[in-house]
C-alpha atoms as a PDB file:
ATOM      1  CA  MET A   1       9.005   8.256  15.288  1.00  0.00           C
ATOM      2  CA  SER A   2      10.713   4.909  15.087  1.00  0.00           C
ATOM      3  CA  HIS A   3      12.698   4.289  11.921  1.00  0.00           C
ATOM      4  CA  ASP A   4      10.736   1.003  11.512  1.00  0.00           C
ATOM      5  CA  TYR A   5       7.307   2.707  11.790  1.00  0.00           C
ATOM      6  CA  ASN A   6       6.502   2.241   8.132  1.00  0.00           C
ATOM      7  CA  TYR A   7       6.938  -1.534   8.492  1.00  0.00           C
ATOM      8  CA  PHE A   8       3.998  -1.898  10.858  1.00  0.00           C
ATOM      9  CA  PHE A   9       1.252  -1.855   8.253  1.00  0.00           C
ATOM     10  CA  SER A  10      -0.337  -4.205   5.758  1.00  0.00           C
ATOM     11  CA  TRP A  11      -3.011  -4.200   3.075  1.00  0.00           C
ATOM     12  CA  PHE A  12      -5.262  -7.263   3.278  1.00  0.00           C
ATOM     13  CA  GLY A  13      -2.656  -8.968   5.381  1.00  0.00           C
ATOM     14  CA  VAL A  14       0.285  -8.328   2.968  1.00  0.00           C
ATOM     15  CA  PRO A  15       3.008  -5.976   4.298  1.00  0.00           C
ATOM     16  CA  ILE A  16       2.868  -2.538   2.723  1.00  0.00           C
ATOM     17  CA  ILE A  17       5.779  -0.257   3.398  1.00  0.00           C
ATOM     18  CA  GLN A  18       3.832   3.012   3.220  1.00  0.00           C
ATOM     19  CA  TYR A  19       2.829   5.486   5.938  1.00  0.00           C
ATOM     20  CA  PRO A  20      -0.977   5.565   6.516  1.00  0.00           C
ATOM     21  CA  ASN A  21      -1.039   9.244   5.540  1.00  0.00           C
ATOM     22  CA  ASP A  22       0.587   8.380   2.254  1.00  0.00           C
ATOM     23  CA  ILE A  23      -1.849   5.578   1.572  1.00  0.00           C
ATOM     24  CA  ILE A  24      -4.754   7.919   2.094  1.00  0.00           C
ATOM     25  CA  ALA A  25      -3.178  10.614  -0.179  1.00  0.00           C
ATOM     26  CA  ILE A  26      -2.441   8.044  -2.862  1.00  0.00           C
ATOM     27  CA  GLN A  27      -6.032   6.671  -2.835  1.00  0.00           C
ATOM     28  CA  GLU A  28      -7.366  10.275  -3.223  1.00  0.00           C
ATOM     29  CA  ILE A  29      -5.099  10.741  -6.242  1.00  0.00           C
ATOM     30  CA  ILE A  30      -6.207   7.410  -7.799  1.00  0.00           C
ATOM     31  CA  TRP A  31      -9.931   8.191  -7.111  1.00  0.00           C
ATOM     32  CA  ASN A  32      -9.665  11.625  -8.726  1.00  0.00           C
ATOM     33  CA  VAL A  33      -7.415  10.681 -11.676  1.00  0.00           C
ATOM     34  CA  LYS A  34      -8.926   7.215 -12.374  1.00  0.00           C
ATOM     35  CA  PRO A  35      -5.811   5.938 -14.154  1.00  0.00           C
ATOM     36  CA  GLU A  36      -5.954   2.977 -16.479  1.00  0.00           C
ATOM     37  CA  ILE A  37      -2.645   1.664 -15.359  1.00  0.00           C
ATOM     38  CA  ILE A  38      -0.329   2.046 -12.376  1.00  0.00           C
ATOM     39  CA  ILE A  39       3.272   0.990 -12.733  1.00  0.00           C
ATOM     40  CA  GLU A  40       5.238   0.407  -9.560  1.00  0.00           C
ATOM     41  CA  THR A  41       8.967  -0.269  -9.507  1.00  0.00           C
ATOM     42  CA  GLY A  42      10.830  -1.417  -6.416  1.00  0.00           C
ATOM     43  CA  VAL A  43       8.260  -3.852  -5.064  1.00  0.00           C
ATOM     44  CA  ALA A  44       9.136  -5.055  -1.584  1.00  0.00           C
ATOM     45  CA  HIS A  45       6.438  -7.449  -0.217  1.00  0.00           C
ATOM     46  CA  GLY A  46       3.565  -6.893  -2.660  1.00  0.00           C
ATOM     47  CA  GLY A  47       1.255  -4.895  -0.340  1.00  0.00           C
ATOM     48  CA  SER A  48       1.458  -1.767  -2.540  1.00  0.00           C
ATOM     49  CA  LEU A  49       0.619  -3.892  -5.619  1.00  0.00           C
ATOM     50  CA  LEU A  50      -2.420  -5.289  -3.829  1.00  0.00           C
ATOM     51  CA  PHE A  51      -3.396  -1.816  -2.679  1.00  0.00           C
ATOM     52  CA  TYR A  52      -3.190  -0.395  -6.247  1.00  0.00           C
ATOM     53  CA  SER A  53      -5.034  -3.414  -7.595  1.00  0.00           C
ATOM     54  CA  SER A  54      -7.890  -3.025  -5.170  1.00  0.00           C
ATOM     55  CA  MET A  55      -8.037   0.708  -5.809  1.00  0.00           C
ATOM     56  CA  LEU A  56      -8.149   0.198  -9.616  1.00  0.00           C
ATOM     57  CA  ASN A  57     -10.873  -2.410  -9.073  1.00  0.00           C
ATOM     58  CA  LEU A  58     -12.954   0.088  -7.088  1.00  0.00           C
ATOM     59  CA  VAL A  59     -12.331   2.959  -9.456  1.00  0.00           C
ATOM     60  CA  HIS A  60     -13.279   1.023 -12.501  1.00  0.00           C
ATOM     61  CA  GLN A  61     -16.122  -1.028 -10.981  1.00  0.00           C
ATOM     62  CA  LYS A  62     -18.819   0.946 -12.786  1.00  0.00           C
ATOM     63  CA  ASN A  63     -17.052   0.458 -16.179  1.00  0.00           C
ATOM     64  CA  LYS A  64     -16.368  -3.231 -15.518  1.00  0.00           C
ATOM     65  CA  LYS A  65     -13.029  -2.895 -17.259  1.00  0.00           C
ATOM     66  CA  ASP A  66     -10.792  -5.945 -17.138  1.00  0.00           C
ATOM     67  CA  PHE A  67      -7.250  -5.469 -16.008  1.00  0.00           C
ATOM     68  CA  LYS A  68      -4.544  -7.688 -14.828  1.00  0.00           C
ATOM     69  CA  ILE A  69      -1.477  -7.332 -12.665  1.00  0.00           C
ATOM     70  CA  VAL A  70       1.731  -7.949 -14.448  1.00  0.00           C
ATOM     71  CA  GLY A  71       5.125  -7.550 -13.062  1.00  0.00           C
ATOM     72  CA  ILE A  72       8.129  -9.001 -11.487  1.00  0.00           C
ATOM     73  CA  ARG A  73       8.537 -11.043  -8.297  1.00  0.00           C
ATOM     74  CA  PRO A  74       7.515  -9.214  -5.123  1.00  0.00           C
ATOM     75  CA  GLY A  75      10.712  -8.090  -3.389  1.00  0.00           C
ATOM     76  CA  GLU A  76      12.554  -7.338  -6.580  1.00  0.00           C
ATOM     77  CA  LYS A  77      13.262  -4.203  -8.507  1.00  0.00           C
ATOM     78  CA  LEU A  78      13.970  -4.684 -12.156  1.00  0.00           C
ATOM     79  CA  HIS A  79      17.528  -5.578 -11.385  1.00  0.00           C
ATOM     80  CA  GLU A  80      18.324  -5.344  -7.689  1.00  0.00           C
ATOM     81  CA  GLU A  81      22.033  -5.009  -7.178  1.00  0.00           C
ATOM     82  CA  LEU A  82      22.968  -6.862  -3.992  1.00  0.00           C
ATOM     83  CA  ILE A  83      26.715  -6.468  -4.299  1.00  0.00           C
ATOM     84  CA  SER A  84      28.226  -3.650  -6.405  1.00  0.00           C
ATOM     85  CA  LYS A  85      31.555  -3.830  -8.314  1.00  0.00           C
ATOM     86  CA  ALA A  86      32.999  -1.464  -5.587  1.00  0.00           C
ATOM     87  CA  GLU A  87      31.790  -3.772  -2.830  1.00  0.00           C
ATOM     88  CA  SER A  88      33.318  -6.820  -4.447  1.00  0.00           C
ATOM     89  CA  TYR A  89      36.696  -5.737  -3.148  1.00  0.00           C
ATOM     90  CA  ASN A  90      35.517  -6.388   0.428  1.00  0.00           C
ATOM     91  CA  THR A  91      33.117  -9.311  -0.244  1.00  0.00           C
ATOM     92  CA  PHE A  92      33.553 -12.943   0.718  1.00  0.00           C
ATOM     93  CA  ASP A  93      31.578 -15.780  -0.724  1.00  0.00           C
ATOM     94  CA  LEU A  94      30.586 -18.316   1.929  1.00  0.00           C
ATOM     95  CA  GLY A  95      28.527 -20.458  -0.467  1.00  0.00           C
ATOM     96  CA  ASN A  96      25.006 -19.834   0.861  1.00  0.00           C
ATOM     97  CA  TYR A  97      25.583 -16.174   1.596  1.00  0.00           C
ATOM     98  CA  PHE A  98      28.073 -13.300   1.286  1.00  0.00           C
ATOM     99  CA  ILE A  99      29.891 -11.178   3.854  1.00  0.00           C
ATOM    100  CA  ILE A 100      30.461  -7.629   2.728  1.00  0.00           C
ATOM    101  CA  ALA A 101      33.185  -6.549   5.169  1.00  0.00           C
ATOM    102  CA  GLY A 102      32.678  -2.977   6.203  1.00  0.00           C
ATOM    103  CA  ASN A 103      35.997  -2.429   7.868  1.00  0.00           C
ATOM    104  CA  GLN A 104      39.504  -3.821   8.134  1.00  0.00           C
ATOM    105  CA  LYS A 105      38.698  -5.722  11.317  1.00  0.00           C
ATOM    106  CA  SER A 106      35.902  -7.612   9.325  1.00  0.00           C
ATOM    107  CA  ILE A 107      38.237  -8.182   6.313  1.00  0.00           C
ATOM    108  CA  ASN A 108      40.902  -9.614   8.700  1.00  0.00           C
ATOM    109  CA  TYR A 109      38.252 -11.939  10.319  1.00  0.00           C
ATOM    110  CA  CYS A 110      37.265 -13.290   6.850  1.00  0.00           C
ATOM    111  CA  ILE A 111      40.894 -13.808   5.822  1.00  0.00           C
ATOM    112  CA  LYS A 112      41.782 -15.507   9.132  1.00  0.00           C
ATOM    113  CA  ASN A 113      38.802 -17.871   8.671  1.00  0.00           C
ATOM    114  CA  LYS A 114      39.843 -18.588   5.112  1.00  0.00           C
ATOM    115  CA  HIS A 115      36.609 -17.360   3.529  1.00  0.00           C
ATOM    116  CA  LYS A 116      36.801 -17.212  -0.211  1.00  0.00           C
ATOM    117  CA  ARG A 117      36.852 -13.743  -1.754  1.00  0.00           C
ATOM    118  CA  MET A 118      34.347 -12.787  -4.371  1.00  0.00           C
ATOM    119  CA  LYS A 119      35.928 -12.146  -7.766  1.00  0.00           C
ATOM    120  CA  ILE A 120      37.044  -8.510  -7.692  1.00  0.00           C
ATOM    121  CA  GLY A 121      35.254  -6.288 -10.088  1.00  0.00           C
ATOM    122  CA  ASN A 122      32.189  -8.513 -10.334  1.00  0.00           C
ATOM    123  CA  ASN A 123      28.756  -7.500  -9.105  1.00  0.00           C
ATOM    124  CA  TYR A 124      25.878  -9.683  -7.952  1.00  0.00           C
ATOM    125  CA  ASN A 125      22.361  -8.713  -8.973  1.00  0.00           C
ATOM    126  CA  SER A 126      19.037 -10.189  -9.962  1.00  0.00           C
ATOM    127  CA  LEU A 127      19.981  -9.898 -13.637  1.00  0.00           C
ATOM    128  CA  ASN A 128      22.979 -12.190 -13.395  1.00  0.00           C
ATOM    129  CA  ASN A 129      21.645 -14.499 -10.712  1.00  0.00           C
ATOM    130  CA  GLU A 130      21.063 -17.983 -12.084  1.00  0.00           C
ATOM    131  CA  HIS A 131      19.839 -19.475  -8.754  1.00  0.00           C
ATOM    132  CA  PHE A 132      16.442 -18.052  -7.862  1.00  0.00           C
ATOM    133  CA  LEU A 133      14.738 -19.669  -4.843  1.00  0.00           C
ATOM    134  CA  ASN A 134      11.171 -20.711  -4.973  1.00  0.00           C
ATOM    135  CA  ILE A 135       8.751 -19.988  -2.055  1.00  0.00           C
ATOM    136  CA  SER A 136       9.242 -23.420  -0.348  1.00  0.00           C
ATOM    137  CA  GLN A 137      13.004 -23.009  -0.562  1.00  0.00           C
ATOM    138  CA  ILE A 138      12.780 -19.611   1.119  1.00  0.00           C
ATOM    139  CA  LYS A 139      10.507 -21.024   3.841  1.00  0.00           C
ATOM    140  CA  ASN A 140      12.965 -23.816   4.461  1.00  0.00           C
ATOM    141  CA  LEU A 141      15.786 -21.341   4.790  1.00  0.00           C
ATOM    142  CA  ILE A 142      13.781 -19.300   7.352  1.00  0.00           C
ATOM    143  CA  GLU A 143      12.785 -22.432   9.332  1.00  0.00           C
ATOM    144  CA  ASN A 144      16.366 -23.685   9.377  1.00  0.00           C
ATOM    145  CA  TYR A 145      17.615 -20.343  10.495  1.00  0.00           C
ATOM    146  CA  LYS A 146      14.968 -20.170  13.292  1.00  0.00           C
ATOM    147  CA  LYS A 147      16.043 -23.670  14.448  1.00  0.00           C
ATOM    148  CA  LYS A 148      19.661 -22.644  14.341  1.00  0.00           C
ATOM    149  CA  ILE A 149      19.228 -19.482  16.436  1.00  0.00           C
ATOM    150  CA  SER A 150      16.943 -21.206  18.968  1.00  0.00           C
ATOM    151  CA  SER A 151      19.363 -24.012  19.749  1.00  0.00           C
END
């Protein structure tokens, strides 16, 4: 089985990183337990949130209970750590992105090209990030990247 197999699926068009067998098992549990609330941490694309929402809607349809989805941005855990304090020793800040050098050859490359080192001992995570991108900014980054690699 390919290591990317669980990335092939979606729920109502939104990527859901779950194996189909797991989705079936989870819906059986939800149907039998009929929970009032489901808390998911570690949201990737939002497909699981949509799945849980639709299951809760079906389960509680008879009772007409109101519920709402609350949570963080899809793709974020409570505080996703992108660069740990330990990784900061090998991390270079290129302005729009970071290079975490995995070996001495990569470190030498970054030094040779005069890339700025990240402050040693710092970490970079969603808690201390002050520059969140909105959806249009992310789309622009993707489009610019596509243009860059196609030329």
